[in-house]
């Protein structure tokens, strides 16, 4: 398959996954609204959880829904948006190993143990990917720009991706409490100071989704145009 076709395939997959994640978010909110309407109309519930022992009644569920809808659901889909975007970047790197694989020498043991040239190529690609993912988003795109000269994404978009990734790190590794690491990674776009609890309001959630969708399209279109 030609490079342009590989890139379009990666774009289409990422786009479909981003749309599906957003639909899940929107559809789940719709479902919760329907549940609220049923409870307000007098529907009674008494549903035991055989695993945890929790018994959910209509009043218990009504009290939980705001947290489920505005926090847990939003955080879960926020994580999904970034994971889908990072998977797209991995596909992007894999699509053109000639230009993206690092120039460092291949260890002798890898060469000796490889079954064929393809296995060595896979090693180089994996090494480049691992090296990228452990660096800052600014480094990801500087690396791509040095090698491909695509002119996108913009510096402002890279900064927003960096802040979003820093937000995710706080949620995953510090129970949502902002620390100095977040402040440093987010830079001028830091939304909180150390000690505060991080938040993902709906407009922020939506703006991130729209930007990631845009960056996926722009990177793909620029690459396909330059390397048809």
N, C-alpha and C. Protein backbone atom coordinates (compact mmCIF):
# COMPACT_ATOMS: atom_id res chain seq x y z
N UNK A 1 0.84 -1.20 0.00
CA UNK A 1 0.00 0.00 0.00
C UNK A 1 0.88 1.25 0.00
N UNK A 2 0.53 2.27 -0.81
CA UNK A 2 1.30 3.50 -0.88
C UNK A 2 1.22 4.26 0.43
N UNK A 3 2.23 5.11 0.65
CA UNK A 3 2.26 5.88 1.90
C UNK A 3 0.99 6.68 2.10
N UNK A 4 0.55 7.37 1.04
CA UNK A 4 -0.65 8.20 1.16
C UNK A 4 -1.85 7.36 1.59
N UNK A 5 -1.94 6.14 1.08
CA UNK A 5 -3.05 5.26 1.46
C UNK A 5 -2.94 4.84 2.92
N UNK A 6 -1.72 4.54 3.37
CA UNK A 6 -1.50 4.18 4.78
C UNK A 6 -1.92 5.32 5.70
N UNK A 7 -1.53 6.54 5.31
CA UNK A 7 -1.85 7.70 6.13
C UNK A 7 -3.35 7.94 6.16
N UNK A 8 -3.99 7.80 5.02
CA UNK A 8 -5.46 7.98 4.98
C UNK A 8 -6.16 6.92 5.82
N UNK A 9 -5.64 5.70 5.79
CA UNK A 9 -6.22 4.64 6.61
C UNK A 9 -6.10 4.98 8.09
N UNK A 10 -4.92 5.47 8.49
CA UNK A 10 -4.72 5.88 9.89
C UNK A 10 -5.64 7.03 10.25
N UNK A 11 -5.77 7.99 9.33
CA UNK A 11 -6.66 9.13 9.57
C UNK A 11 -8.11 8.68 9.74
N UNK A 12 -8.55 7.83 8.82
CA UNK A 12 -9.95 7.39 8.86
C UNK A 12 -10.24 6.59 10.14
N UNK A 13 -9.27 5.76 10.55
CA UNK A 13 -9.46 4.98 11.78
C UNK A 13 -9.54 5.91 13.00
N UNK A 14 -8.61 6.86 13.09
CA UNK A 14 -8.61 7.78 14.23
C UNK A 14 -9.86 8.65 14.24
N UNK A 15 -10.26 9.11 13.07
CA UNK A 15 -11.46 9.95 12.98
C UNK A 15 -12.69 9.18 13.44
N UNK A 16 -12.83 7.95 12.95
CA UNK A 16 -13.98 7.12 13.34
C UNK A 16 -13.98 6.85 14.84
N UNK A 17 -12.79 6.61 15.41
CA UNK A 17 -12.71 6.34 16.84
C UNK A 17 -13.02 7.59 17.67
N UNK A 18 -12.55 8.74 17.21
CA UNK A 18 -12.86 9.99 17.92
C UNK A 18 -14.36 10.29 17.86
N UNK A 19 -14.96 10.07 16.70
CA UNK A 19 -16.41 10.28 16.57
C UNK A 19 -17.17 9.31 17.48
N UNK A 20 -16.74 8.05 17.50
CA UNK A 20 -17.41 7.05 18.35
C UNK A 20 -17.29 7.41 19.82
N UNK A 21 -16.12 7.90 20.24
CA UNK A 21 -15.93 8.29 21.64
C UNK A 21 -16.83 9.47 22.00
N UNK A 22 -16.94 10.43 21.08
CA UNK A 22 -17.80 11.58 21.34
C UNK A 22 -19.27 11.16 21.36
N UNK A 23 -19.65 10.27 20.45
CA UNK A 23 -21.03 9.76 20.44
C UNK A 23 -21.35 9.04 21.75
N UNK A 24 -20.38 8.26 22.23
CA UNK A 24 -20.58 7.56 23.51
C UNK A 24 -20.85 8.57 24.63
N UNK A 25 -20.07 9.64 24.64
CA UNK A 25 -20.26 10.69 25.64
C UNK A 25 -21.65 11.31 25.53
N UNK A 26 -22.02 11.71 24.32
CA UNK A 26 -23.32 12.36 24.12
C UNK A 26 -24.48 11.41 24.37
N UNK A 27 -24.36 10.18 23.88
CA UNK A 27 -25.45 9.21 24.05
C UNK A 27 -25.64 8.83 25.52
N UNK A 28 -24.53 8.76 26.25
CA UNK A 28 -24.64 8.41 27.67
C UNK A 28 -25.32 9.53 28.45
N UNK A 29 -25.01 10.78 28.10
CA UNK A 29 -25.71 11.90 28.74
C UNK A 29 -27.20 11.83 28.44
N UNK A 30 -27.53 11.50 27.19
CA UNK A 30 -28.95 11.35 26.82
C UNK A 30 -29.61 10.26 27.66
N UNK A 31 -28.90 9.14 27.83
CA UNK A 31 -29.44 8.03 28.62
C UNK A 31 -29.66 8.44 30.07
N UNK A 32 -28.70 9.17 30.65
CA UNK A 32 -28.87 9.63 32.03
C UNK A 32 -30.05 10.59 32.15
N UNK A 33 -30.22 11.45 31.16
CA UNK A 33 -31.36 12.37 31.18
C UNK A 33 -32.69 11.62 31.14
N UNK A 34 -32.72 10.54 30.37
CA UNK A 34 -33.93 9.72 30.32
C UNK A 34 -34.19 9.05 31.67
N UNK A 35 -33.12 8.59 32.31
CA UNK A 35 -33.27 7.98 33.63
C UNK A 35 -33.80 9.00 34.63
N UNK A 36 -33.23 10.20 34.59
CA UNK A 36 -33.70 11.26 35.50
C UNK A 36 -35.19 11.54 35.29
N UNK A 37 -35.58 11.60 34.01
CA UNK A 37 -36.99 11.85 33.71
C UNK A 37 -37.89 10.74 34.26
N UNK A 38 -37.42 9.49 34.15
CA UNK A 38 -38.19 8.36 34.67
C UNK A 38 -38.32 8.43 36.20
N UNK A 39 -37.23 8.79 36.86
CA UNK A 39 -37.26 8.90 38.33
C UNK A 39 -38.21 10.02 38.75
N UNK A 40 -38.11 11.15 38.05
CA UNK A 40 -38.99 12.28 38.38
C UNK A 40 -40.46 11.95 38.12
N UNK A 41 -40.68 11.00 37.20
CA UNK A 41 -42.06 10.59 36.89
C UNK A 41 -42.59 9.55 37.88
N UNK A 42 -41.72 9.14 38.83
CA UNK A 42 -42.18 8.21 39.86
C UNK A 42 -41.67 6.79 39.74
N UNK A 43 -40.72 6.55 38.82
CA UNK A 43 -40.17 5.19 38.67
C UNK A 43 -39.36 4.81 39.92
N UNK A 44 -39.60 3.59 40.43
CA UNK A 44 -38.87 3.09 41.60
C UNK A 44 -37.83 2.06 41.16
N UNK A 45 -36.70 2.05 41.87
CA UNK A 45 -35.63 1.11 41.58
C UNK A 45 -35.18 0.43 42.87
N UNK A 46 -34.74 -0.81 42.73
CA UNK A 46 -34.09 -1.51 43.84
C UNK A 46 -33.23 -2.59 43.21
N UNK A 47 -32.00 -2.17 42.82
CA UNK A 47 -31.12 -3.05 42.04
C UNK A 47 -29.87 -3.35 42.84
N UNK A 48 -29.69 -4.60 43.29
CA UNK A 48 -28.47 -4.95 44.04
C UNK A 48 -27.31 -5.23 43.10
N UNK A 49 -26.12 -4.83 43.52
CA UNK A 49 -24.89 -5.18 42.81
C UNK A 49 -24.30 -6.41 43.51
N UNK A 50 -24.35 -7.55 42.84
CA UNK A 50 -23.92 -8.80 43.47
C UNK A 50 -22.44 -8.79 43.81
N UNK A 51 -21.67 -7.97 43.13
CA UNK A 51 -20.22 -7.94 43.36
C UNK A 51 -19.87 -7.07 44.56
N UNK A 52 -20.42 -5.84 44.62
CA UNK A 52 -20.04 -4.90 45.68
C UNK A 52 -21.00 -4.91 46.86
N UNK A 53 -22.20 -5.41 46.65
CA UNK A 53 -23.19 -5.38 47.71
C UNK A 53 -24.00 -4.10 47.76
N UNK A 54 -23.67 -3.14 46.91
CA UNK A 54 -24.41 -1.89 46.87
C UNK A 54 -25.82 -2.12 46.33
N UNK A 55 -26.79 -1.50 46.96
CA UNK A 55 -28.16 -1.55 46.48
C UNK A 55 -28.53 -0.17 45.94
N UNK A 56 -28.87 -0.11 44.67
CA UNK A 56 -29.19 1.17 44.04
C UNK A 56 -30.70 1.37 44.00
N UNK A 57 -31.14 2.41 44.67
CA UNK A 57 -32.54 2.81 44.61
C UNK A 57 -32.63 4.06 43.73
N UNK A 58 -33.85 4.49 43.47
CA UNK A 58 -34.01 5.68 42.62
C UNK A 58 -33.37 6.91 43.26
N UNK A 59 -33.44 7.03 44.57
CA UNK A 59 -32.85 8.20 45.23
C UNK A 59 -31.32 8.14 45.21
N UNK A 60 -30.78 6.94 45.40
CA UNK A 60 -29.32 6.76 45.35
C UNK A 60 -28.80 7.08 43.95
N UNK A 61 -29.47 6.55 42.94
CA UNK A 61 -29.03 6.78 41.57
C UNK A 61 -29.15 8.25 41.19
N UNK A 62 -30.24 8.88 41.59
CA UNK A 62 -30.42 10.30 41.28
C UNK A 62 -29.31 11.14 41.89
N UNK A 63 -28.84 10.76 43.07
CA UNK A 63 -27.76 11.49 43.72
C UNK A 63 -26.42 11.27 43.03
N UNK A 64 -26.26 10.09 42.40
CA UNK A 64 -24.98 9.76 41.76
C UNK A 64 -24.87 10.31 40.34
N UNK A 65 -25.98 10.48 39.67
CA UNK A 65 -25.95 10.84 38.25
C UNK A 65 -25.15 12.11 37.95
N UNK A 66 -25.27 13.19 38.72
CA UNK A 66 -24.46 14.38 38.39
C UNK A 66 -22.97 14.10 38.34
N UNK A 67 -22.47 13.30 39.29
CA UNK A 67 -21.04 12.94 39.30
C UNK A 67 -20.72 12.02 38.12
N UNK A 68 -21.57 11.04 37.87
CA UNK A 68 -21.34 10.14 36.74
C UNK A 68 -21.28 10.92 35.42
N UNK A 69 -22.19 11.85 35.27
CA UNK A 69 -22.36 12.53 33.99
C UNK A 69 -21.31 13.61 33.76
N UNK A 70 -21.07 14.44 34.76
CA UNK A 70 -20.20 15.60 34.56
C UNK A 70 -18.75 15.35 34.91
N UNK A 71 -18.46 14.27 35.65
CA UNK A 71 -17.08 14.00 36.04
C UNK A 71 -16.56 12.69 35.47
N UNK A 72 -17.16 11.59 35.87
CA UNK A 72 -16.61 10.28 35.48
C UNK A 72 -16.70 10.05 33.98
N UNK A 73 -17.84 10.35 33.40
CA UNK A 73 -18.00 10.16 31.96
C UNK A 73 -17.08 11.09 31.18
N UNK A 74 -17.03 12.35 31.60
CA UNK A 74 -16.19 13.33 30.90
C UNK A 74 -14.72 12.95 31.00
N UNK A 75 -14.28 12.53 32.18
CA UNK A 75 -12.88 12.13 32.34
C UNK A 75 -12.57 10.89 31.50
N UNK A 76 -13.48 9.93 31.48
CA UNK A 76 -13.24 8.70 30.73
C UNK A 76 -13.10 8.99 29.24
N UNK A 77 -13.97 9.82 28.69
CA UNK A 77 -13.88 10.11 27.26
C UNK A 77 -12.72 11.05 26.96
N UNK A 78 -12.36 11.91 27.90
CA UNK A 78 -11.16 12.73 27.75
C UNK A 78 -9.93 11.84 27.61
N UNK A 79 -9.82 10.83 28.45
CA UNK A 79 -8.72 9.87 28.33
C UNK A 79 -8.76 9.19 26.96
N UNK A 80 -9.94 8.82 26.52
CA UNK A 80 -10.08 8.14 25.23
C UNK A 80 -9.62 9.03 24.08
N UNK A 81 -10.00 10.30 24.11
CA UNK A 81 -9.59 11.22 23.05
C UNK A 81 -8.07 11.23 22.89
N UNK A 82 -7.36 11.37 24.01
CA UNK A 82 -5.90 11.44 23.94
C UNK A 82 -5.29 10.11 23.53
N UNK A 83 -5.85 9.00 24.02
CA UNK A 83 -5.33 7.68 23.66
C UNK A 83 -5.50 7.43 22.17
N UNK A 84 -6.63 7.82 21.61
CA UNK A 84 -6.87 7.65 20.18
C UNK A 84 -5.89 8.50 19.38
N UNK A 85 -5.65 9.72 19.83
CA UNK A 85 -4.72 10.60 19.12
C UNK A 85 -3.31 10.04 19.16
N UNK A 86 -2.88 9.54 20.31
CA UNK A 86 -1.53 8.96 20.41
C UNK A 86 -1.41 7.71 19.56
N UNK A 87 -2.47 6.91 19.48
CA UNK A 87 -2.45 5.73 18.61
C UNK A 87 -2.31 6.15 17.15
N UNK A 88 -2.96 7.26 16.79
CA UNK A 88 -2.82 7.79 15.44
C UNK A 88 -1.37 8.18 15.17
N UNK A 89 -0.72 8.84 16.12
CA UNK A 89 0.68 9.23 15.93
C UNK A 89 1.57 8.01 15.74
N UNK A 90 1.27 6.94 16.47
CA UNK A 90 2.04 5.70 16.31
C UNK A 90 1.83 5.14 14.90
N UNK A 91 0.59 5.11 14.44
CA UNK A 91 0.32 4.66 13.07
C UNK A 91 1.03 5.56 12.06
N UNK A 92 1.07 6.84 12.37
CA UNK A 92 1.71 7.82 11.49
C UNK A 92 3.20 7.51 11.35
N UNK A 93 3.85 7.23 12.47
CA UNK A 93 5.27 6.89 12.45
C UNK A 93 5.50 5.58 11.70
N UNK A 94 4.67 4.61 11.94
CA UNK A 94 4.83 3.30 11.29
C UNK A 94 4.63 3.37 9.78
N UNK A 95 3.84 4.33 9.33
CA UNK A 95 3.51 4.40 7.90
C UNK A 95 4.70 4.79 7.04
N UNK A 96 5.70 5.47 7.63
CA UNK A 96 6.83 5.93 6.82
C UNK A 96 8.14 5.73 7.57
N UNK A 97 8.54 4.49 7.81
CA UNK A 97 9.73 4.21 8.61
C UNK A 97 11.02 4.73 7.99
N UNK A 98 11.06 4.86 6.66
CA UNK A 98 12.28 5.34 6.02
C UNK A 98 12.66 6.74 6.49
N UNK A 99 11.67 7.53 6.80
CA UNK A 99 11.94 8.91 7.17
C UNK A 99 11.85 9.17 8.66
N UNK A 100 11.29 8.22 9.39
CA UNK A 100 11.04 8.48 10.80
C UNK A 100 11.89 7.65 11.75
N UNK A 101 12.40 6.52 11.32
CA UNK A 101 13.21 5.69 12.21
C UNK A 101 14.48 6.42 12.59
N UNK A 102 14.90 6.27 13.84
CA UNK A 102 16.11 6.94 14.33
C UNK A 102 17.34 6.44 13.61
N UNK A 103 18.35 7.30 13.53
CA UNK A 103 19.57 6.95 12.82
C UNK A 103 20.60 6.25 13.71
N UNK A 104 20.29 6.01 14.97
CA UNK A 104 21.22 5.33 15.87
C UNK A 104 21.48 3.92 15.37
N UNK A 105 22.68 3.40 15.60
CA UNK A 105 22.99 2.05 15.13
C UNK A 105 22.12 0.99 15.79
N UNK A 106 21.89 -0.09 15.05
CA UNK A 106 21.11 -1.21 15.56
C UNK A 106 22.04 -2.10 16.38
N UNK A 107 21.65 -2.47 17.61
CA UNK A 107 22.50 -3.36 18.42
C UNK A 107 22.81 -4.66 17.68
N UNK A 108 24.02 -5.15 17.88
CA UNK A 108 24.46 -6.35 17.17
C UNK A 108 23.55 -7.53 17.46
N UNK A 109 23.10 -7.68 18.72
CA UNK A 109 22.27 -8.83 19.05
C UNK A 109 20.93 -8.80 18.32
N UNK A 110 20.43 -7.60 18.07
CA UNK A 110 19.17 -7.49 17.32
C UNK A 110 19.37 -7.96 15.89
N UNK A 111 20.49 -7.56 15.29
CA UNK A 111 20.79 -7.97 13.92
C UNK A 111 20.97 -9.48 13.84
N UNK A 112 21.72 -10.05 14.78
CA UNK A 112 22.01 -11.48 14.74
C UNK A 112 20.77 -12.33 15.00
N UNK A 113 19.88 -11.85 15.85
CA UNK A 113 18.70 -12.64 16.21
C UNK A 113 17.50 -12.39 15.30
N UNK A 114 17.57 -11.36 14.47
CA UNK A 114 16.45 -11.05 13.58
C UNK A 114 16.29 -12.12 12.51
N UNK A 115 15.05 -12.46 12.22
CA UNK A 115 14.77 -13.47 11.20
C UNK A 115 14.97 -12.91 9.79
N UNK A 116 14.69 -11.61 9.64
CA UNK A 116 14.82 -10.99 8.32
C UNK A 116 14.91 -9.47 8.48
N UNK A 117 15.03 -8.79 7.35
CA UNK A 117 15.16 -7.34 7.35
C UNK A 117 13.93 -6.66 7.95
N UNK A 118 12.75 -7.24 7.71
CA UNK A 118 11.52 -6.67 8.24
C UNK A 118 11.54 -6.60 9.76
N UNK A 119 12.10 -7.61 10.40
CA UNK A 119 12.15 -7.63 11.86
C UNK A 119 13.06 -6.52 12.37
N UNK A 120 14.14 -6.25 11.66
CA UNK A 120 15.03 -5.15 12.04
C UNK A 120 14.32 -3.81 11.87
N UNK A 121 13.58 -3.69 10.76
CA UNK A 121 12.81 -2.47 10.53
C UNK A 121 11.79 -2.25 11.64
N UNK A 122 11.12 -3.32 12.05
CA UNK A 122 10.14 -3.21 13.14
C UNK A 122 10.81 -2.75 14.43
N UNK A 123 12.02 -3.25 14.68
CA UNK A 123 12.76 -2.83 15.87
C UNK A 123 13.04 -1.33 15.82
N UNK A 124 13.48 -0.84 14.66
CA UNK A 124 13.78 0.58 14.52
C UNK A 124 12.54 1.44 14.73
N UNK A 125 11.42 0.99 14.17
CA UNK A 125 10.18 1.75 14.31
C UNK A 125 9.74 1.77 15.77
N UNK A 126 9.78 0.60 16.42
CA UNK A 126 9.37 0.53 17.82
C UNK A 126 10.25 1.41 18.70
N UNK A 127 11.54 1.43 18.39
CA UNK A 127 12.46 2.26 19.18
C UNK A 127 12.13 3.74 19.00
N UNK A 128 11.84 4.13 17.76
CA UNK A 128 11.48 5.53 17.50
C UNK A 128 10.20 5.90 18.22
N UNK A 129 9.23 4.99 18.21
CA UNK A 129 7.94 5.25 18.85
C UNK A 129 8.09 5.39 20.36
N UNK A 130 8.79 4.45 20.97
CA UNK A 130 9.00 4.50 22.42
C UNK A 130 9.74 5.78 22.80
N UNK A 131 10.75 6.12 22.01
CA UNK A 131 11.50 7.34 22.28
C UNK A 131 10.63 8.58 22.21
N UNK A 132 9.71 8.60 21.25
CA UNK A 132 8.82 9.75 21.11
C UNK A 132 7.82 9.85 22.26
N UNK A 133 7.19 8.74 22.60
CA UNK A 133 6.10 8.78 23.57
C UNK A 133 6.57 9.16 24.97
N UNK A 134 7.84 9.00 25.26
CA UNK A 134 8.35 9.37 26.58
C UNK A 134 8.88 10.79 26.61
N UNK A 135 8.70 11.51 25.50
CA UNK A 135 9.13 12.89 25.45
C UNK A 135 7.93 13.83 25.47
N UNK A 136 8.22 15.12 25.55
CA UNK A 136 7.15 16.12 25.59
C UNK A 136 6.46 16.23 24.23
N UNK A 137 5.18 16.60 24.21
CA UNK A 137 4.50 16.79 22.92
C UNK A 137 5.25 17.75 21.99
N UNK A 138 5.86 18.78 22.55
CA UNK A 138 6.63 19.70 21.71
C UNK A 138 7.75 18.96 20.99
N UNK A 139 8.35 17.97 21.66
CA UNK A 139 9.40 17.18 21.04
C UNK A 139 8.84 16.24 19.98
N UNK A 140 7.63 15.70 20.22
CA UNK A 140 7.01 14.83 19.21
C UNK A 140 6.94 15.55 17.87
N UNK A 141 6.35 16.76 17.92
CA UNK A 141 6.07 17.46 16.67
C UNK A 141 7.30 18.14 16.09
N UNK A 142 8.26 18.51 16.93
CA UNK A 142 9.52 19.02 16.41
C UNK A 142 10.24 17.92 15.63
N UNK A 143 10.18 16.70 16.15
CA UNK A 143 10.78 15.53 15.49
C UNK A 143 10.13 15.30 14.13
N UNK A 144 8.80 15.31 14.10
CA UNK A 144 8.10 15.12 12.83
C UNK A 144 8.39 16.24 11.85
N UNK A 145 8.46 17.46 12.36
CA UNK A 145 8.70 18.60 11.47
C UNK A 145 10.10 18.56 10.88
N UNK A 146 11.08 18.19 11.69
CA UNK A 146 12.45 18.09 11.17
C UNK A 146 12.53 17.09 10.02
N UNK A 147 11.79 16.00 10.13
CA UNK A 147 11.92 14.92 9.16
C UNK A 147 10.94 15.03 7.99
N UNK A 148 9.78 15.63 8.23
CA UNK A 148 8.77 15.65 7.17
C UNK A 148 8.44 17.04 6.63
N UNK A 149 8.75 18.08 7.43
CA UNK A 149 8.49 19.47 6.99
C UNK A 149 7.04 19.66 6.56
N UNK A 150 6.11 19.34 7.43
CA UNK A 150 4.69 19.42 7.09
C UNK A 150 4.07 20.77 7.45
N UNK A 151 4.67 21.48 8.39
CA UNK A 151 4.13 22.78 8.77
C UNK A 151 2.91 22.74 9.67
N UNK A 152 2.64 21.60 10.26
CA UNK A 152 1.50 21.49 11.18
C UNK A 152 1.81 20.39 12.19
N UNK A 153 1.16 20.44 13.36
CA UNK A 153 0.19 21.43 13.84
C UNK A 153 0.86 22.74 14.23
N UNK A 154 0.05 23.74 14.55
CA UNK A 154 0.59 25.04 14.94
C UNK A 154 1.19 24.96 16.34
N UNK A 155 2.02 25.96 16.66
CA UNK A 155 2.63 26.00 18.00
C UNK A 155 1.55 26.09 19.08
N UNK A 156 0.49 26.83 18.81
CA UNK A 156 -0.60 26.96 19.79
C UNK A 156 -1.29 25.61 20.02
N UNK A 157 -1.46 24.84 18.95
CA UNK A 157 -2.09 23.52 19.10
C UNK A 157 -1.20 22.56 19.87
N UNK A 158 0.09 22.63 19.62
CA UNK A 158 1.03 21.78 20.36
C UNK A 158 0.97 22.11 21.85
N UNK A 159 0.89 23.40 22.18
CA UNK A 159 0.80 23.80 23.59
C UNK A 159 -0.49 23.28 24.23
N UNK A 160 -1.57 23.30 23.49
CA UNK A 160 -2.85 22.79 24.03
C UNK A 160 -2.79 21.28 24.25
N UNK A 161 -2.14 20.58 23.33
CA UNK A 161 -1.98 19.13 23.50
C UNK A 161 -1.13 18.85 24.74
N UNK A 162 -0.08 19.64 24.93
CA UNK A 162 0.79 19.46 26.10
C UNK A 162 0.01 19.68 27.39
N UNK A 163 -0.84 20.70 27.42
CA UNK A 163 -1.64 20.95 28.64
C UNK A 163 -2.62 19.81 28.88
N UNK A 164 -3.24 19.31 27.81
CA UNK A 164 -4.19 18.21 27.96
C UNK A 164 -3.49 16.96 28.47
N UNK A 165 -2.31 16.68 27.94
CA UNK A 165 -1.56 15.51 28.40
C UNK A 165 -1.16 15.68 29.87
N UNK A 166 -0.79 16.90 30.26
CA UNK A 166 -0.45 17.15 31.66
C UNK A 166 -1.68 16.97 32.56
N UNK A 167 -2.84 17.38 32.06
CA UNK A 167 -4.09 17.16 32.80
C UNK A 167 -4.33 15.67 33.00
N UNK A 168 -4.16 14.90 31.94
CA UNK A 168 -4.36 13.45 32.05
C UNK A 168 -3.40 12.84 33.06
N UNK A 169 -2.15 13.29 33.05
CA UNK A 169 -1.17 12.74 33.99
C UNK A 169 -1.59 12.99 35.44
N UNK A 170 -2.14 14.17 35.71
CA UNK A 170 -2.61 14.48 37.07
C UNK A 170 -3.77 13.57 37.46
N UNK A 171 -4.69 13.35 36.54
CA UNK A 171 -5.84 12.48 36.82
C UNK A 171 -5.40 11.04 37.05
N UNK A 172 -4.43 10.59 36.27
CA UNK A 172 -4.00 9.19 36.35
C UNK A 172 -3.07 8.92 37.52
N UNK A 173 -2.18 9.87 37.79
CA UNK A 173 -1.08 9.59 38.72
C UNK A 173 -1.12 10.38 40.03
N UNK A 174 -2.03 11.36 40.13
CA UNK A 174 -2.04 12.16 41.37
C UNK A 174 -3.46 12.41 41.88
N UNK A 175 -4.39 11.52 41.51
CA UNK A 175 -5.78 11.59 42.00
C UNK A 175 -6.44 12.93 41.74
N UNK A 176 -6.01 13.58 40.67
CA UNK A 176 -6.65 14.84 40.30
C UNK A 176 -6.14 16.07 41.00
N UNK A 177 -5.13 15.91 41.87
CA UNK A 177 -4.58 17.06 42.59
C UNK A 177 -3.42 17.64 41.78
N UNK A 178 -3.53 18.89 41.44
CA UNK A 178 -2.51 19.54 40.62
C UNK A 178 -1.20 19.65 41.40
N UNK A 179 -0.10 19.36 40.71
CA UNK A 179 1.22 19.49 41.32
C UNK A 179 2.10 20.38 40.44
N UNK A 180 3.33 20.58 40.89
CA UNK A 180 4.24 21.45 40.14
C UNK A 180 4.61 20.85 38.79
N UNK A 181 4.56 19.54 38.69
CA UNK A 181 4.86 18.89 37.41
C UNK A 181 3.83 19.33 36.36
N UNK A 182 2.56 19.33 36.75
CA UNK A 182 1.52 19.81 35.82
C UNK A 182 1.79 21.25 35.42
N UNK A 183 2.07 22.10 36.40
CA UNK A 183 2.29 23.52 36.13
C UNK A 183 3.43 23.70 35.14
N UNK A 184 4.50 22.92 35.31
CA UNK A 184 5.65 23.03 34.41
C UNK A 184 5.31 22.52 33.02
N UNK A 185 4.63 21.38 32.94
CA UNK A 185 4.29 20.80 31.63
C UNK A 185 3.27 21.64 30.87
N UNK A 186 2.31 22.20 31.60
CA UNK A 186 1.25 22.98 30.95
C UNK A 186 1.72 24.36 30.55
N UNK A 187 2.74 24.87 31.22
CA UNK A 187 3.30 26.17 30.87
C UNK A 187 2.30 27.30 30.98
N UNK A 188 2.29 28.16 29.97
CA UNK A 188 1.41 29.33 29.99
C UNK A 188 -0.07 28.96 29.95
N UNK A 189 -0.38 27.74 29.54
CA UNK A 189 -1.78 27.32 29.45
C UNK A 189 -2.28 26.60 30.71
N UNK A 190 -1.46 26.57 31.76
CA UNK A 190 -1.88 25.92 33.01
C UNK A 190 -3.20 26.51 33.48
N UNK A 191 -4.17 25.65 33.76
CA UNK A 191 -5.51 26.09 34.17
C UNK A 191 -5.68 26.12 35.68
N UNK A 192 -4.72 25.56 36.39
CA UNK A 192 -4.81 25.46 37.85
C UNK A 192 -3.43 25.69 38.45
N UNK A 193 -3.41 25.95 39.75
CA UNK A 193 -2.15 26.05 40.48
C UNK A 193 -2.00 24.82 41.37
N UNK A 194 -0.78 24.59 41.83
CA UNK A 194 -0.51 23.42 42.66
C UNK A 194 -1.42 23.39 43.88
N UNK A 195 -1.97 22.20 44.16
CA UNK A 195 -2.85 22.00 45.30
C UNK A 195 -4.32 22.02 44.95
N UNK A 196 -4.67 22.58 43.81
CA UNK A 196 -6.07 22.59 43.39
C UNK A 196 -6.45 21.25 42.76
N UNK A 197 -7.74 20.98 42.74
CA UNK A 197 -8.24 19.80 42.03
C UNK A 197 -8.50 20.17 40.58
N UNK A 198 -8.04 19.31 39.69
CA UNK A 198 -8.18 19.57 38.26
C UNK A 198 -9.62 19.29 37.83
N UNK A 199 -10.04 19.97 36.78
CA UNK A 199 -11.42 19.83 36.32
C UNK A 199 -11.42 19.78 34.79
N UNK A 200 -12.43 19.10 34.24
CA UNK A 200 -12.58 19.04 32.79
C UNK A 200 -13.98 19.54 32.45
N UNK A 201 -14.17 20.83 32.32
CA UNK A 201 -15.49 21.35 31.97
C UNK A 201 -15.88 20.95 30.56
N UNK A 202 -17.17 20.94 30.29
CA UNK A 202 -17.65 20.51 28.97
C UNK A 202 -17.05 21.32 27.81
N UNK A 203 -16.95 22.65 27.90
CA UNK A 203 -16.35 23.39 26.77
C UNK A 203 -14.91 22.97 26.49
N UNK A 204 -14.13 22.73 27.55
CA UNK A 204 -12.74 22.28 27.39
C UNK A 204 -12.71 20.91 26.72
N UNK A 205 -13.57 20.02 27.18
CA UNK A 205 -13.69 18.66 26.64
C UNK A 205 -14.02 18.72 25.15
N UNK A 206 -14.99 19.56 24.78
CA UNK A 206 -15.40 19.70 23.39
C UNK A 206 -14.30 20.32 22.54
N UNK A 207 -13.66 21.37 23.05
CA UNK A 207 -12.60 22.05 22.29
C UNK A 207 -11.44 21.11 22.02
N UNK A 208 -11.08 20.28 23.00
CA UNK A 208 -9.99 19.34 22.79
C UNK A 208 -10.35 18.35 21.69
N UNK A 209 -11.55 17.81 21.74
CA UNK A 209 -11.99 16.86 20.72
C UNK A 209 -11.91 17.48 19.33
N UNK A 210 -12.40 18.69 19.19
CA UNK A 210 -12.39 19.36 17.89
C UNK A 210 -10.96 19.60 17.40
N UNK A 211 -10.07 20.00 18.32
CA UNK A 211 -8.69 20.25 17.92
C UNK A 211 -7.99 18.97 17.50
N UNK A 212 -8.16 17.88 18.25
CA UNK A 212 -7.51 16.62 17.89
C UNK A 212 -8.01 16.13 16.54
N UNK A 213 -9.29 16.26 16.29
CA UNK A 213 -9.85 15.87 14.99
C UNK A 213 -9.21 16.70 13.88
N UNK A 214 -9.03 17.99 14.13
CA UNK A 214 -8.42 18.90 13.15
C UNK A 214 -6.96 18.54 12.90
N UNK A 215 -6.21 18.27 13.95
CA UNK A 215 -4.79 17.94 13.80
C UNK A 215 -4.61 16.62 13.05
N UNK A 216 -5.44 15.63 13.35
CA UNK A 216 -5.39 14.36 12.62
C UNK A 216 -5.59 14.61 11.13
N UNK A 217 -6.59 15.40 10.77
CA UNK A 217 -6.88 15.68 9.37
C UNK A 217 -5.74 16.45 8.71
N UNK A 218 -5.22 17.47 9.39
CA UNK A 218 -4.17 18.30 8.80
C UNK A 218 -2.87 17.52 8.60
N UNK A 219 -2.46 16.75 9.60
CA UNK A 219 -1.25 15.95 9.44
C UNK A 219 -1.39 14.96 8.30
N UNK A 220 -2.54 14.32 8.22
CA UNK A 220 -2.77 13.32 7.17
C UNK A 220 -2.79 13.95 5.79
N UNK A 221 -3.52 15.05 5.66
CA UNK A 221 -3.63 15.71 4.35
C UNK A 221 -2.29 16.26 3.90
N UNK A 222 -1.53 16.85 4.82
CA UNK A 222 -0.23 17.41 4.46
C UNK A 222 0.74 16.31 4.03
N UNK A 223 0.71 15.18 4.73
CA UNK A 223 1.60 14.07 4.38
C UNK A 223 1.21 13.46 3.04
N UNK A 224 -0.08 13.24 2.84
CA UNK A 224 -0.54 12.64 1.58
C UNK A 224 -0.22 13.54 0.40
N UNK A 225 -0.29 14.86 0.60
CA UNK A 225 0.01 15.80 -0.48
C UNK A 225 1.51 15.83 -0.79
N UNK A 226 2.32 15.69 0.24
CA UNK A 226 3.77 15.78 0.04
C UNK A 226 4.37 14.47 -0.43
N UNK A 227 3.79 13.35 -0.01
CA UNK A 227 4.31 12.03 -0.38
C UNK A 227 3.20 11.19 -1.00
N UNK A 228 2.72 11.58 -2.20
CA UNK A 228 1.60 10.87 -2.82
C UNK A 228 1.96 9.44 -3.21
